[in-house]
């Protein structure tokens, strides 16, 4: 046990400032019956992002960013899901809710990836 704790402490001490900055930034997204709040999310290329998605509507909704092959399960009212990834290319990509899965989104938003700091 002591050996494991020492190894963990050494690993943390060896982290560079860049590693410390690489922690995922959390963005809370509310899904309502009218759309996403916020309707646009801005992320940095190659930086981890954590999306906490909560259905605050009265109907079942879903959350997807098809370009990044991110598709949540259907979320009944009040349920949440967490998604964490690092976007690998800059651009403006659709966020959609398509609980029926028939490629006809009930509403959309934007996931914008920038290389500007």
PDB file of N, CA and C in Angstrom:
ATOM      1  N   UNK A   1       0.823  -1.187   0.000  1.00  0.00           N
ATOM      2  CA  UNK A   1       0.000   0.000   0.000  1.00  0.00           C
ATOM      3  C   UNK A   1       0.864   1.247   0.000  1.00  0.00           C
ATOM      4  N   UNK A   2       1.901   1.269   0.840  1.00  0.00           N
ATOM      5  CA  UNK A   2       2.776   2.437   0.909  1.00  0.00           C
ATOM      6  C   UNK A   2       3.482   2.661  -0.418  1.00  0.00           C
ATOM      7  N   UNK A   3       3.900   1.554  -1.065  1.00  0.00           N
ATOM      8  CA  UNK A   3       4.601   1.664  -2.341  1.00  0.00           C
ATOM      9  C   UNK A   3       3.679   2.294  -3.392  1.00  0.00           C
ATOM     10  N   UNK A   4       2.397   1.905  -3.402  1.00  0.00           N
ATOM     11  CA  UNK A   4       1.432   2.465  -4.348  1.00  0.00           C
ATOM     12  C   UNK A   4       1.239   3.955  -4.098  1.00  0.00           C
ATOM     13  N   UNK A   5       1.093   4.355  -2.832  1.00  0.00           N
ATOM     14  CA  UNK A   5       0.925   5.774  -2.507  1.00  0.00           C
ATOM     15  C   UNK A   5       2.138   6.585  -2.930  1.00  0.00           C
ATOM     16  N   UNK A   6       3.326   6.062  -2.711  1.00  0.00           N
ATOM     17  CA  UNK A   6       4.540   6.758  -3.110  1.00  0.00           C
ATOM     18  C   UNK A   6       4.584   6.917  -4.629  1.00  0.00           C
ATOM     19  N   UNK A   7       4.237   5.869  -5.357  1.00  0.00           N
ATOM     20  CA  UNK A   7       4.235   5.940  -6.821  1.00  0.00           C
ATOM     21  C   UNK A   7       3.230   6.976  -7.313  1.00  0.00           C
ATOM     22  N   UNK A   8       2.055   7.029  -6.696  1.00  0.00           N
ATOM     23  CA  UNK A   8       1.049   8.007  -7.084  1.00  0.00           C
ATOM     24  C   UNK A   8       1.521   9.423  -6.789  1.00  0.00           C
ATOM     25  N   UNK A   9       2.132   9.638  -5.649  1.00  0.00           N
ATOM     26  CA  UNK A   9       2.644  10.962  -5.295  1.00  0.00           C
ATOM     27  C   UNK A   9       3.737  11.397  -6.261  1.00  0.00           C
ATOM     28  N   UNK A  10       4.616  10.490  -6.634  1.00  0.00           N
ATOM     29  CA  UNK A  10       5.677  10.827  -7.587  1.00  0.00           C
ATOM     30  C   UNK A  10       5.107  11.153  -8.962  1.00  0.00           C
ATOM     31  N   UNK A  11       4.070  10.443  -9.365  1.00  0.00           N
ATOM     32  CA  UNK A  11       3.454  10.710 -10.663  1.00  0.00           C
ATOM     33  C   UNK A  11       2.827  12.092 -10.698  1.00  0.00           C
ATOM     34  N   UNK A  12       2.164  12.489  -9.615  1.00  0.00           N
ATOM     35  CA  UNK A  12       1.562  13.822  -9.548  1.00  0.00           C
ATOM     36  C   UNK A  12       2.654  14.886  -9.547  1.00  0.00           C
ATOM     37  N   UNK A  13       3.722  14.663  -8.798  1.00  0.00           N
ATOM     38  CA  UNK A  13       4.815  15.634  -8.728  1.00  0.00           C
ATOM     39  C   UNK A  13       5.506  15.788 -10.071  1.00  0.00           C
ATOM     40  N   UNK A  14       5.510  14.743 -10.890  1.00  0.00           N
ATOM     41  CA  UNK A  14       6.185  14.781 -12.182  1.00  0.00           C
ATOM     42  C   UNK A  14       5.353  15.461 -13.267  1.00  0.00           C
ATOM     43  N   UNK A  15       4.105  15.802 -12.970  1.00  0.00           N
ATOM     44  CA  UNK A  15       3.262  16.438 -13.969  1.00  0.00           C
ATOM     45  C   UNK A  15       3.810  17.812 -14.316  1.00  0.00           C
ATOM     46  N   UNK A  16       3.803  18.101 -15.585  1.00  0.00           N
ATOM     47  CA  UNK A  16       4.241  19.422 -16.025  1.00  0.00           C
ATOM     48  C   UNK A  16       3.067  20.389 -15.938  1.00  0.00           C
ATOM     49  N   UNK A  17       3.323  21.704 -16.016  1.00  0.00           N
ATOM     50  CA  UNK A  17       2.212  22.662 -16.031  1.00  0.00           C
ATOM     51  C   UNK A  17       1.254  22.406 -17.188  1.00  0.00           C
ATOM     52  N   UNK A  18       1.762  21.909 -18.320  1.00  0.00           N
ATOM     53  CA  UNK A  18       0.894  21.613 -19.456  1.00  0.00           C
ATOM     54  C   UNK A  18      -0.088  20.506 -19.101  1.00  0.00           C
ATOM     55  N   UNK A  19       0.389  19.461 -18.399  1.00  0.00           N
ATOM     56  CA  UNK A  19      -0.507  18.382 -17.984  1.00  0.00           C
ATOM     57  C   UNK A  19      -1.599  18.911 -17.066  1.00  0.00           C
ATOM     58  N   UNK A  20      -1.249  19.816 -16.171  1.00  0.00           N
ATOM     59  CA  UNK A  20      -2.229  20.364 -15.232  1.00  0.00           C
ATOM     60  C   UNK A  20      -3.291  21.162 -15.979  1.00  0.00           C
ATOM     61  N   UNK A  21      -2.894  21.847 -17.048  1.00  0.00           N
ATOM     62  CA  UNK A  21      -3.853  22.629 -17.821  1.00  0.00           C
ATOM     63  C   UNK A  21      -4.753  21.757 -18.680  1.00  0.00           C
ATOM     64  N   UNK A  22      -4.381  20.514 -18.896  1.00  0.00           N
ATOM     65  CA  UNK A  22      -5.122  19.633 -19.784  1.00  0.00           C
ATOM     66  C   UNK A  22      -6.370  19.029 -19.131  1.00  0.00           C
ATOM     67  N   UNK A  23      -6.687  19.405 -17.909  1.00  0.00           N
ATOM     68  CA  UNK A  23      -7.902  18.907 -17.269  1.00  0.00           C
ATOM     69  C   UNK A  23      -9.120  19.362 -18.073  1.00  0.00           C
ATOM     70  N   UNK A  24     -10.104  18.504 -18.156  1.00  0.00           N
ATOM     71  CA  UNK A  24     -11.288  18.800 -18.957  1.00  0.00           C
ATOM     72  C   UNK A  24     -12.082  19.970 -18.389  1.00  0.00           C
ATOM     73  N   UNK A  25     -12.497  20.862 -19.271  1.00  0.00           N
ATOM     74  CA  UNK A  25     -13.384  21.969 -18.896  1.00  0.00           C
ATOM     75  C   UNK A  25     -14.810  21.434 -18.967  1.00  0.00           C
ATOM     76  N   UNK A  26     -15.609  21.704 -17.945  1.00  0.00           N
ATOM     77  CA  UNK A  26     -16.991  21.219 -17.903  1.00  0.00           C
ATOM     78  C   UNK A  26     -17.943  22.273 -18.435  1.00  0.00           C
ATOM     79  N   UNK A  27     -18.845  21.835 -19.311  1.00  0.00           N
ATOM     80  CA  UNK A  27     -19.915  22.687 -19.826  1.00  0.00           C
ATOM     81  C   UNK A  27     -21.231  21.987 -19.507  1.00  0.00           C
ATOM     82  N   UNK A  28     -22.122  22.695 -18.824  1.00  0.00           N
ATOM     83  CA  UNK A  28     -23.452  22.172 -18.506  1.00  0.00           C
ATOM     84  C   UNK A  28     -24.405  22.551 -19.629  1.00  0.00           C
ATOM     85  N   UNK A  29     -25.072  21.551 -20.185  1.00  0.00           N
ATOM     86  CA  UNK A  29     -26.033  21.775 -21.266  1.00  0.00           C
ATOM     87  C   UNK A  29     -27.400  21.291 -20.790  1.00  0.00           C
ATOM     88  N   UNK A  30     -28.368  22.200 -20.823  1.00  0.00           N
ATOM     89  CA  UNK A  30     -29.750  21.840 -20.503  1.00  0.00           C
ATOM     90  C   UNK A  30     -30.487  21.597 -21.819  1.00  0.00           C
ATOM     91  N   UNK A  31     -31.198  20.480 -21.875  1.00  0.00           N
ATOM     92  CA  UNK A  31     -32.051  20.199 -23.025  1.00  0.00           C
ATOM     93  C   UNK A  31     -33.474  20.494 -22.580  1.00  0.00           C
ATOM     94  N   UNK A  32     -34.104  21.455 -23.248  1.00  0.00           N
ATOM     95  CA  UNK A  32     -35.495  21.812 -22.935  1.00  0.00           C
ATOM     96  C   UNK A  32     -36.369  21.341 -24.094  1.00  0.00           C
ATOM     97  N   UNK A  33     -37.657  21.518 -23.977  1.00  0.00           N
ATOM     98  CA  UNK A  33     -38.552  21.147 -25.076  1.00  0.00           C
ATOM     99  C   UNK A  33     -38.397  22.090 -26.269  1.00  0.00           C
ATOM    100  N   UNK A  34     -37.672  23.203 -26.083  1.00  0.00           N
ATOM    101  CA  UNK A  34     -37.472  24.183 -27.153  1.00  0.00           C
ATOM    102  C   UNK A  34     -36.063  24.179 -27.734  1.00  0.00           C
ATOM    103  N   UNK A  35     -35.115  23.465 -27.109  1.00  0.00           N
ATOM    104  CA  UNK A  35     -33.767  23.434 -27.643  1.00  0.00           C
ATOM    105  C   UNK A  35     -32.715  23.291 -26.564  1.00  0.00           C
ATOM    106  N   UNK A  36     -31.453  23.494 -26.972  1.00  0.00           N
ATOM    107  CA  UNK A  36     -30.315  23.401 -26.061  1.00  0.00           C
ATOM    108  C   UNK A  36     -30.041  24.756 -25.419  1.00  0.00           C
ATOM    109  N   UNK A  37     -29.653  24.734 -24.150  1.00  0.00           N
ATOM    110  CA  UNK A  37     -29.226  25.935 -23.438  1.00  0.00           C
ATOM    111  C   UNK A  37     -27.888  25.604 -22.802  1.00  0.00           C
ATOM    112  N   UNK A  38     -26.779  26.179 -23.283  1.00  0.00           N
ATOM    113  CA  UNK A  38     -26.686  27.162 -24.365  1.00  0.00           C
ATOM    114  C   UNK A  38     -26.871  26.501 -25.730  1.00  0.00           C
ATOM    115  N   UNK A  39     -27.241  27.314 -26.709  1.00  0.00           N
ATOM    116  CA  UNK A  39     -27.464  26.814 -28.066  1.00  0.00           C
ATOM    117  C   UNK A  39     -26.159  26.622 -28.819  1.00  0.00           C
ATOM    118  N   UNK A  40     -25.073  27.184 -28.291  1.00  0.00           N
ATOM    119  CA  UNK A  40     -23.750  27.013 -28.900  1.00  0.00           C
ATOM    120  C   UNK A  40     -22.734  26.766 -27.799  1.00  0.00           C
ATOM    121  N   UNK A  41     -21.831  25.831 -28.043  1.00  0.00           N
ATOM    122  CA  UNK A  41     -20.751  25.501 -27.110  1.00  0.00           C
ATOM    123  C   UNK A  41     -19.439  25.726 -27.851  1.00  0.00           C
ATOM    124  N   UNK A  42     -18.514  26.425 -27.206  1.00  0.00           N
ATOM    125  CA  UNK A  42     -17.207  26.675 -27.810  1.00  0.00           C
ATOM    126  C   UNK A  42     -16.160  25.845 -27.085  1.00  0.00           C
ATOM    127  N   UNK A  43     -15.371  25.120 -27.868  1.00  0.00           N
ATOM    128  CA  UNK A  43     -14.319  24.267 -27.328  1.00  0.00           C
ATOM    129  C   UNK A  43     -13.013  24.588 -28.041  1.00  0.00           C
ATOM    130  N   UNK A  44     -11.910  24.136 -27.454  1.00  0.00           N
ATOM    131  CA  UNK A  44     -10.591  24.320 -28.053  1.00  0.00           C
ATOM    132  C   UNK A  44     -10.128  22.992 -28.650  1.00  0.00           C
ATOM    133  N   UNK A  45      -9.513  23.065 -29.822  1.00  0.00           N
ATOM    134  CA  UNK A  45      -9.020  21.863 -30.478  1.00  0.00           C
ATOM    135  C   UNK A  45      -7.965  21.193 -29.596  1.00  0.00           C
ATOM    136  N   UNK A  46      -8.011  19.881 -29.532  1.00  0.00           N
ATOM    137  CA  UNK A  46      -7.078  19.042 -28.769  1.00  0.00           C
ATOM    138  C   UNK A  46      -7.088  19.299 -27.262  1.00  0.00           C
ATOM    139  N   UNK A  47      -8.134  19.927 -26.748  1.00  0.00           N
ATOM    140  CA  UNK A  47      -8.280  20.145 -25.304  1.00  0.00           C
ATOM    141  C   UNK A  47      -9.501  19.369 -24.831  1.00  0.00           C
ATOM    142  N   UNK A  48      -9.373  18.592 -23.763  1.00  0.00           N
ATOM    143  CA  UNK A  48     -10.519  17.803 -23.293  1.00  0.00           C
ATOM    144  C   UNK A  48     -11.671  18.693 -22.824  1.00  0.00           C
ATOM    145  N   UNK A  49     -12.874  18.235 -23.119  1.00  0.00           N
ATOM    146  CA  UNK A  49     -14.078  18.941 -22.679  1.00  0.00           C
ATOM    147  C   UNK A  49     -15.038  17.900 -22.097  1.00  0.00           C
ATOM    148  N   UNK A  50     -15.699  18.278 -21.041  1.00  0.00           N
ATOM    149  CA  UNK A  50     -16.676  17.409 -20.362  1.00  0.00           C
ATOM    150  C   UNK A  50     -18.034  18.077 -20.529  1.00  0.00           C
ATOM    151  N   UNK A  51     -18.950  17.406 -21.202  1.00  0.00           N
ATOM    152  CA  UNK A  51     -20.309  17.912 -21.395  1.00  0.00           C
ATOM    153  C   UNK A  51     -21.242  17.178 -20.438  1.00  0.00           C
ATOM    154  N   UNK A  52     -21.873  17.940 -19.564  1.00  0.00           N
ATOM    155  CA  UNK A  52     -22.877  17.380 -18.650  1.00  0.00           C
ATOM    156  C   UNK A  52     -24.228  17.802 -19.217  1.00  0.00           C
ATOM    157  N   UNK A  53     -24.966  16.835 -19.757  1.00  0.00           N
ATOM    158  CA  UNK A  53     -26.220  17.105 -20.459  1.00  0.00           C
ATOM    159  C   UNK A  53     -27.380  16.628 -19.602  1.00  0.00           C
ATOM    160  N   UNK A  54     -28.320  17.545 -19.305  1.00  0.00           N
ATOM    161  CA  UNK A  54     -29.481  17.232 -18.473  1.00  0.00           C
ATOM    162  C   UNK A  54     -30.750  17.567 -19.244  1.00  0.00           C
ATOM    163  N   UNK A  55     -31.705  16.637 -19.275  1.00  0.00           N
ATOM    164  CA  UNK A  55     -32.994  16.888 -19.905  1.00  0.00           C
ATOM    165  C   UNK A  55     -33.896  17.615 -18.905  1.00  0.00           C
ATOM    166  N   UNK A  56     -34.135  18.897 -19.161  1.00  0.00           N
ATOM    167  CA  UNK A  56     -35.020  19.704 -18.318  1.00  0.00           C
ATOM    168  C   UNK A  56     -36.401  19.891 -18.959  1.00  0.00           C
ATOM    169  N   UNK A  57     -36.641  19.167 -20.045  1.00  0.00           N
ATOM    170  CA  UNK A  57     -37.926  19.259 -20.721  1.00  0.00           C
ATOM    171  C   UNK A  57     -38.946  18.306 -20.140  1.00  0.00           C
ATOM    172  N   UNK A  58     -40.124  18.301 -20.757  1.00  0.00           N
ATOM    173  CA  UNK A  58     -41.194  17.398 -20.316  1.00  0.00           C
ATOM    174  C   UNK A  58     -41.306  16.169 -21.219  1.00  0.00           C
ATOM    175  N   UNK A  59     -40.491  16.133 -22.279  1.00  0.00           N
ATOM    176  CA  UNK A  59     -40.486  14.995 -23.208  1.00  0.00           C
ATOM    177  C   UNK A  59     -39.097  14.353 -23.222  1.00  0.00           C
ATOM    178  N   UNK A  60     -39.010  13.167 -23.792  1.00  0.00           N
ATOM    179  CA  UNK A  60     -37.721  12.495 -23.964  1.00  0.00           C
ATOM    180  C   UNK A  60     -36.927  13.213 -25.056  1.00  0.00           C
ATOM    181  N   UNK A  61     -35.652  13.457 -24.761  1.00  0.00           N
ATOM    182  CA  UNK A  61     -34.750  14.090 -25.720  1.00  0.00           C
ATOM    183  C   UNK A  61     -33.471  13.272 -25.794  1.00  0.00           C
ATOM    184  N   UNK A  62     -32.600  13.666 -26.703  1.00  0.00           N
ATOM    185  CA  UNK A  62     -31.350  12.972 -26.940  1.00  0.00           C
ATOM    186  C   UNK A  62     -30.309  14.028 -27.293  1.00  0.00           C
ATOM    187  N   UNK A  63     -29.019  13.706 -27.154  1.00  0.00           N
ATOM    188  CA  UNK A  63     -27.948  14.650 -27.473  1.00  0.00           C
ATOM    189  C   UNK A  63     -26.927  13.971 -28.370  1.00  0.00           C
ATOM    190  N   UNK A  64     -26.607  14.630 -29.484  1.00  0.00           N
ATOM    191  CA  UNK A  64     -25.615  14.086 -30.408  1.00  0.00           C
ATOM    192  C   UNK A  64     -24.768  15.191 -31.009  1.00  0.00           C
ATOM    193  N   UNK A  65     -23.524  14.840 -31.318  1.00  0.00           N
ATOM    194  CA  UNK A  65     -22.669  15.635 -32.195  1.00  0.00           C
ATOM    195  C   UNK A  65     -22.220  14.642 -33.262  1.00  0.00           C
ATOM    196  N   UNK A  66     -22.990  14.494 -34.340  1.00  0.00           N
ATOM    197  CA  UNK A  66     -22.723  13.440 -35.317  1.00  0.00           C
ATOM    198  C   UNK A  66     -21.308  13.460 -35.896  1.00  0.00           C
ATOM    199  N   UNK A  67     -20.738  14.638 -36.165  1.00  0.00           N
ATOM    200  CA  UNK A  67     -19.394  14.695 -36.741  1.00  0.00           C
ATOM    201  C   UNK A  67     -18.390  13.944 -35.874  1.00  0.00           C
ATOM    202  N   UNK A  68     -18.524  14.077 -34.557  1.00  0.00           N
ATOM    203  CA  UNK A  68     -17.605  13.414 -33.629  1.00  0.00           C
ATOM    204  C   UNK A  68     -18.105  12.031 -33.200  1.00  0.00           C
ATOM    205  N   UNK A  69     -19.162  11.558 -33.831  1.00  0.00           N
ATOM    206  CA  UNK A  69     -19.742  10.238 -33.539  1.00  0.00           C
ATOM    207  C   UNK A  69     -20.146  10.104 -32.070  1.00  0.00           C
ATOM    208  N   UNK A  70     -20.706  11.179 -31.555  1.00  0.00           N
ATOM    209  CA  UNK A  70     -21.195  11.190 -30.174  1.00  0.00           C
ATOM    210  C   UNK A  70     -22.713  11.108 -30.232  1.00  0.00           C
ATOM    211  N   UNK A  71     -23.257  10.076 -29.620  1.00  0.00           N
ATOM    212  CA  UNK A  71     -24.705   9.864 -29.594  1.00  0.00           C
ATOM    213  C   UNK A  71     -25.079   9.374 -28.198  1.00  0.00           C
ATOM    214  N   UNK A  72     -25.855  10.165 -27.476  1.00  0.00           N
ATOM    215  CA  UNK A  72     -26.294   9.726 -26.147  1.00  0.00           C
ATOM    216  C   UNK A  72     -27.498   8.798 -26.294  1.00  0.00           C
ATOM    217  N   UNK A  73     -27.817   8.146 -25.221  1.00  0.00           N
ATOM    218  CA  UNK A  73     -29.056   7.380 -25.168  1.00  0.00           C
ATOM    219  C   UNK A  73     -30.210   8.379 -25.067  1.00  0.00           C
ATOM    220  N   UNK A  74     -31.424   7.925 -25.256  1.00  0.00           N
ATOM    221  CA  UNK A  74     -32.575   8.790 -25.034  1.00  0.00           C
ATOM    222  C   UNK A  74     -32.654   9.144 -23.552  1.00  0.00           C
ATOM    223  N   UNK A  75     -32.896  10.409 -23.276  1.00  0.00           N
ATOM    224  CA  UNK A  75     -32.942  10.900 -21.898  1.00  0.00           C
ATOM    225  C   UNK A  75     -34.370  11.274 -21.529  1.00  0.00           C
ATOM    226  N   UNK A  76     -35.023  10.496 -20.670  1.00  0.00           N
ATOM    227  CA  UNK A  76     -36.340  10.896 -20.175  1.00  0.00           C
ATOM    228  C   UNK A  76     -36.218  12.191 -19.365  1.00  0.00           C
ATOM    229  N   UNK A  77     -37.318  12.872 -19.124  1.00  0.00           N
ATOM    230  CA  UNK A  77     -37.263  14.110 -18.340  1.00  0.00           C
ATOM    231  C   UNK A  77     -36.526  13.911 -17.016  1.00  0.00           C
ATOM    232  N   UNK A  78     -35.603  14.830 -16.719  1.00  0.00           N
ATOM    233  CA  UNK A  78     -34.860  14.805 -15.473  1.00  0.00           C
ATOM    234  C   UNK A  78     -33.578  13.988 -15.508  1.00  0.00           C
ATOM    235  N   UNK A  79     -33.363  13.180 -16.535  1.00  0.00           N
ATOM    236  CA  UNK A  79     -32.151  12.351 -16.590  1.00  0.00           C
ATOM    237  C   UNK A  79     -30.994  13.100 -17.226  1.00  0.00           C
ATOM    238  N   UNK A  80     -29.778  12.623 -16.932  1.00  0.00           N
ATOM    239  CA  UNK A  80     -28.560  13.284 -17.406  1.00  0.00           C
ATOM    240  C   UNK A  80     -27.585  12.267 -17.969  1.00  0.00           C
ATOM    241  N   UNK A  81     -26.638  12.773 -18.727  1.00  0.00           N
ATOM    242  CA  UNK A  81     -25.534  11.957 -19.230  1.00  0.00           C
ATOM    243  C   UNK A  81     -24.281  12.815 -19.251  1.00  0.00           C
ATOM    244  N   UNK A  82     -23.132  12.183 -19.190  1.00  0.00           N
ATOM    245  CA  UNK A  82     -21.848  12.869 -19.218  1.00  0.00           C
ATOM    246  C   UNK A  82     -21.030  12.364 -20.394  1.00  0.00           C
ATOM    247  N   UNK A  83     -20.438  13.296 -21.115  1.00  0.00           N
ATOM    248  CA  UNK A  83     -19.640  12.985 -22.295  1.00  0.00           C
ATOM    249  C   UNK A  83     -18.315  13.727 -22.146  1.00  0.00           C
ATOM    250  N   UNK A  84     -17.212  13.018 -22.335  1.00  0.00           N
ATOM    251  CA  UNK A  84     -15.910  13.665 -22.261  1.00  0.00           C
ATOM    252  C   UNK A  84     -15.065  13.211 -23.447  1.00  0.00           C
ATOM    253  N   UNK A  85     -14.489  14.178 -24.161  1.00  0.00           N
ATOM    254  CA  UNK A  85     -13.636  13.868 -25.303  1.00  0.00           C
ATOM    255  C   UNK A  85     -12.789  15.097 -25.627  1.00  0.00           C
ATOM    256  N   UNK A  86     -11.853  14.944 -26.536  1.00  0.00           N
ATOM    257  CA  UNK A  86     -11.024  16.052 -27.010  1.00  0.00           C
ATOM    258  C   UNK A  86     -11.297  16.245 -28.498  1.00  0.00           C
ATOM    259  N   UNK A  87     -11.925  17.358 -28.882  1.00  0.00           N
ATOM    260  CA  UNK A  87     -12.181  17.587 -30.303  1.00  0.00           C
ATOM    261  C   UNK A  87     -10.865  17.690 -31.076  1.00  0.00           C
ATOM    262  N   UNK A  88     -10.768  17.020 -32.221  1.00  0.00           N
ATOM    263  CA  UNK A  88      -9.502  16.914 -32.938  1.00  0.00           C
ATOM    264  C   UNK A  88      -9.412  17.786 -34.181  1.00  0.00           C
ATOM    265  N   UNK A  89     -10.453  18.519 -34.504  1.00  0.00           N
ATOM    266  CA  UNK A  89     -10.388  19.386 -35.667  1.00  0.00           C
ATOM    267  C   UNK A  89     -11.249  20.629 -35.444  1.00  0.00           C
ATOM    268  N   UNK A  90     -10.806  21.743 -35.994  1.00  0.00           N
ATOM    269  CA  UNK A  90     -11.553  22.988 -35.829  1.00  0.00           C
ATOM    270  C   UNK A  90     -12.737  23.017 -36.783  1.00  0.00           C
ATOM    271  N   UNK A  91     -13.737  23.784 -36.420  1.00  0.00           N
ATOM    272  CA  UNK A  91     -14.900  23.940 -37.278  1.00  0.00           C
ATOM    273  C   UNK A  91     -16.161  24.164 -36.473  1.00  0.00           C
ATOM    274  N   UNK A  92     -17.270  24.207 -37.186  1.00  0.00           N
ATOM    275  CA  UNK A  92     -18.601  24.413 -36.588  1.00  0.00           C
ATOM    276  C   UNK A  92     -19.438  23.176 -36.919  1.00  0.00           C
ATOM    277  N   UNK A  93     -19.869  22.482 -35.873  1.00  0.00           N
ATOM    278  CA  UNK A  93     -20.542  21.196 -36.040  1.00  0.00           C
ATOM    279  C   UNK A  93     -21.905  21.228 -35.350  1.00  0.00           C
ATOM    280  N   UNK A  94     -22.873  20.561 -35.955  1.00  0.00           N
ATOM    281  CA  UNK A  94     -24.209  20.528 -35.380  1.00  0.00           C
ATOM    282  C   UNK A  94     -24.280  19.670 -34.132  1.00  0.00           C
ATOM    283  N   UNK A  95     -24.985  20.184 -33.125  1.00  0.00           N
ATOM    284  CA  UNK A  95     -25.451  19.383 -31.986  1.00  0.00           C
ATOM    285  C   UNK A  95     -26.930  19.148 -32.287  1.00  0.00           C
ATOM    286  N   UNK A  96     -27.413  17.941 -32.107  1.00  0.00           N
ATOM    287  CA  UNK A  96     -28.802  17.658 -32.432  1.00  0.00           C
ATOM    288  C   UNK A  96     -29.471  16.837 -31.337  1.00  0.00           C
ATOM    289  N   UNK A  97     -30.787  16.929 -31.314  1.00  0.00           N
ATOM    290  CA  UNK A  97     -31.611  16.019 -30.523  1.00  0.00           C
ATOM    291  C   UNK A  97     -32.493  15.269 -31.506  1.00  0.00           C
ATOM    292  N   UNK A  98     -32.309  13.957 -31.553  1.00  0.00           N
ATOM    293  CA  UNK A  98     -33.048  13.107 -32.477  1.00  0.00           C
ATOM    294  C   UNK A  98     -33.488  11.838 -31.737  1.00  0.00           C
ATOM    295  N   UNK A  99     -34.434  11.964 -30.773  1.00  0.00           N
ATOM    296  CA  UNK A  99     -34.807  10.800 -29.975  1.00  0.00           C
ATOM    297  C   UNK A  99     -35.452   9.675 -30.788  1.00  0.00           C
ATOM    298  N   UNK A 100     -36.017   9.994 -31.947  1.00  0.00           N
ATOM    299  CA  UNK A 100     -36.630   8.939 -32.757  1.00  0.00           C
ATOM    300  C   UNK A 100     -35.580   8.182 -33.561  1.00  0.00           C
ATOM    301  N   UNK A 101     -34.385   8.768 -33.734  1.00  0.00           N
ATOM    302  CA  UNK A 101     -33.323   8.099 -34.463  1.00  0.00           C
ATOM    303  C   UNK A 101     -33.557   8.011 -35.960  1.00  0.00           C
ATOM    304  N   UNK A 102     -34.427   8.871 -36.503  1.00  0.00           N
ATOM    305  CA  UNK A 102     -34.732   8.802 -37.932  1.00  0.00           C
ATOM    306  C   UNK A 102     -34.035   9.903 -38.740  1.00  0.00           C
ATOM    307  N   UNK A 103     -32.988  10.506 -38.179  1.00  0.00           N
ATOM    308  CA  UNK A 103     -32.209  11.554 -38.840  1.00  0.00           C
ATOM    309  C   UNK A 103     -33.035  12.794 -39.163  1.00  0.00           C
ATOM    310  N   UNK A 104     -34.080  13.021 -38.358  1.00  0.00           N
ATOM    311  CA  UNK A 104     -34.879  14.233 -38.460  1.00  0.00           C
ATOM    312  C   UNK A 104     -34.836  14.917 -37.098  1.00  0.00           C
ATOM    313  N   UNK A 105     -33.816  15.757 -36.858  1.00  0.00           N
ATOM    314  CA  UNK A 105     -33.666  16.369 -35.534  1.00  0.00           C
ATOM    315  C   UNK A 105     -34.868  17.219 -35.156  1.00  0.00           C
ATOM    316  N   UNK A 106     -35.219  17.146 -33.866  1.00  0.00           N
ATOM    317  CA  UNK A 106     -36.286  18.006 -33.372  1.00  0.00           C
ATOM    318  C   UNK A 106     -35.782  19.424 -33.179  1.00  0.00           C
ATOM    319  N   UNK A 107     -34.483  19.580 -32.905  1.00  0.00           N
ATOM    320  CA  UNK A 107     -33.839  20.890 -32.857  1.00  0.00           C
ATOM    321  C   UNK A 107     -32.338  20.697 -32.916  1.00  0.00           C
ATOM    322  N   UNK A 108     -31.638  21.796 -33.208  1.00  0.00           N
ATOM    323  CA  UNK A 108     -30.184  21.742 -33.352  1.00  0.00           C
ATOM    324  C   UNK A 108     -29.528  22.876 -32.572  1.00  0.00           C
ATOM    325  N   UNK A 109     -28.229  22.754 -32.398  1.00  0.00           N
ATOM    326  CA  UNK A 109     -27.386  23.786 -31.816  1.00  0.00           C
ATOM    327  C   UNK A 109     -26.032  23.672 -32.489  1.00  0.00           C
ATOM    328  N   UNK A 110     -25.033  24.369 -31.954  1.00  0.00           N
ATOM    329  CA  UNK A 110     -23.710  24.367 -32.573  1.00  0.00           C
ATOM    330  C   UNK A 110     -22.618  24.032 -31.575  1.00  0.00           C
ATOM    331  N   UNK A 111     -21.698  23.186 -32.012  1.00  0.00           N
ATOM    332  CA  UNK A 111     -20.487  22.867 -31.263  1.00  0.00           C
ATOM    333  C   UNK A 111     -19.343  23.456 -32.083  1.00  0.00           C
ATOM    334  N   UNK A 112     -18.735  24.504 -31.570  1.00  0.00           N
ATOM    335  CA  UNK A 112     -17.725  25.268 -32.307  1.00  0.00           C
ATOM    336  C   UNK A 112     -16.355  24.973 -31.702  1.00  0.00           C
ATOM    337  N   UNK A 113     -15.438  24.531 -32.548  1.00  0.00           N
ATOM    338  CA  UNK A 113     -14.085  24.186 -32.095  1.00  0.00           C
ATOM    339  C   UNK A 113     -13.099  25.174 -32.706  1.00  0.00           C
ATOM    340  N   UNK A 114     -12.336  25.817 -31.834  1.00  0.00           N
ATOM    341  CA  UNK A 114     -11.402  26.862 -32.256  1.00  0.00           C
ATOM    342  C   UNK A 114      -9.978  26.484 -31.891  1.00  0.00           C
ATOM    343  N   UNK A 115      -9.025  27.081 -32.590  1.00  0.00           N
ATOM    344  CA  UNK A 115      -7.624  26.916 -32.190  1.00  0.00           C
ATOM    345  C   UNK A 115      -7.083  28.195 -31.576  1.00  0.00           C
ATOM    346  N   UNK A 116      -7.956  29.184 -31.378  1.00  0.00           N
ATOM    347  CA  UNK A 116      -7.583  30.454 -30.755  1.00  0.00           C
ATOM    348  C   UNK A 116      -7.722  30.357 -29.242  1.00  0.00           C
ATOM    349  N   UNK A 117      -6.781  30.900 -28.523  1.00  0.00           N
ATOM    350  CA  UNK A 117      -6.845  30.875 -27.068  1.00  0.00           C
ATOM    351  C   UNK A 117      -7.406  32.154 -26.538  1.00  0.00           C
TER     352      UNK A 117
END
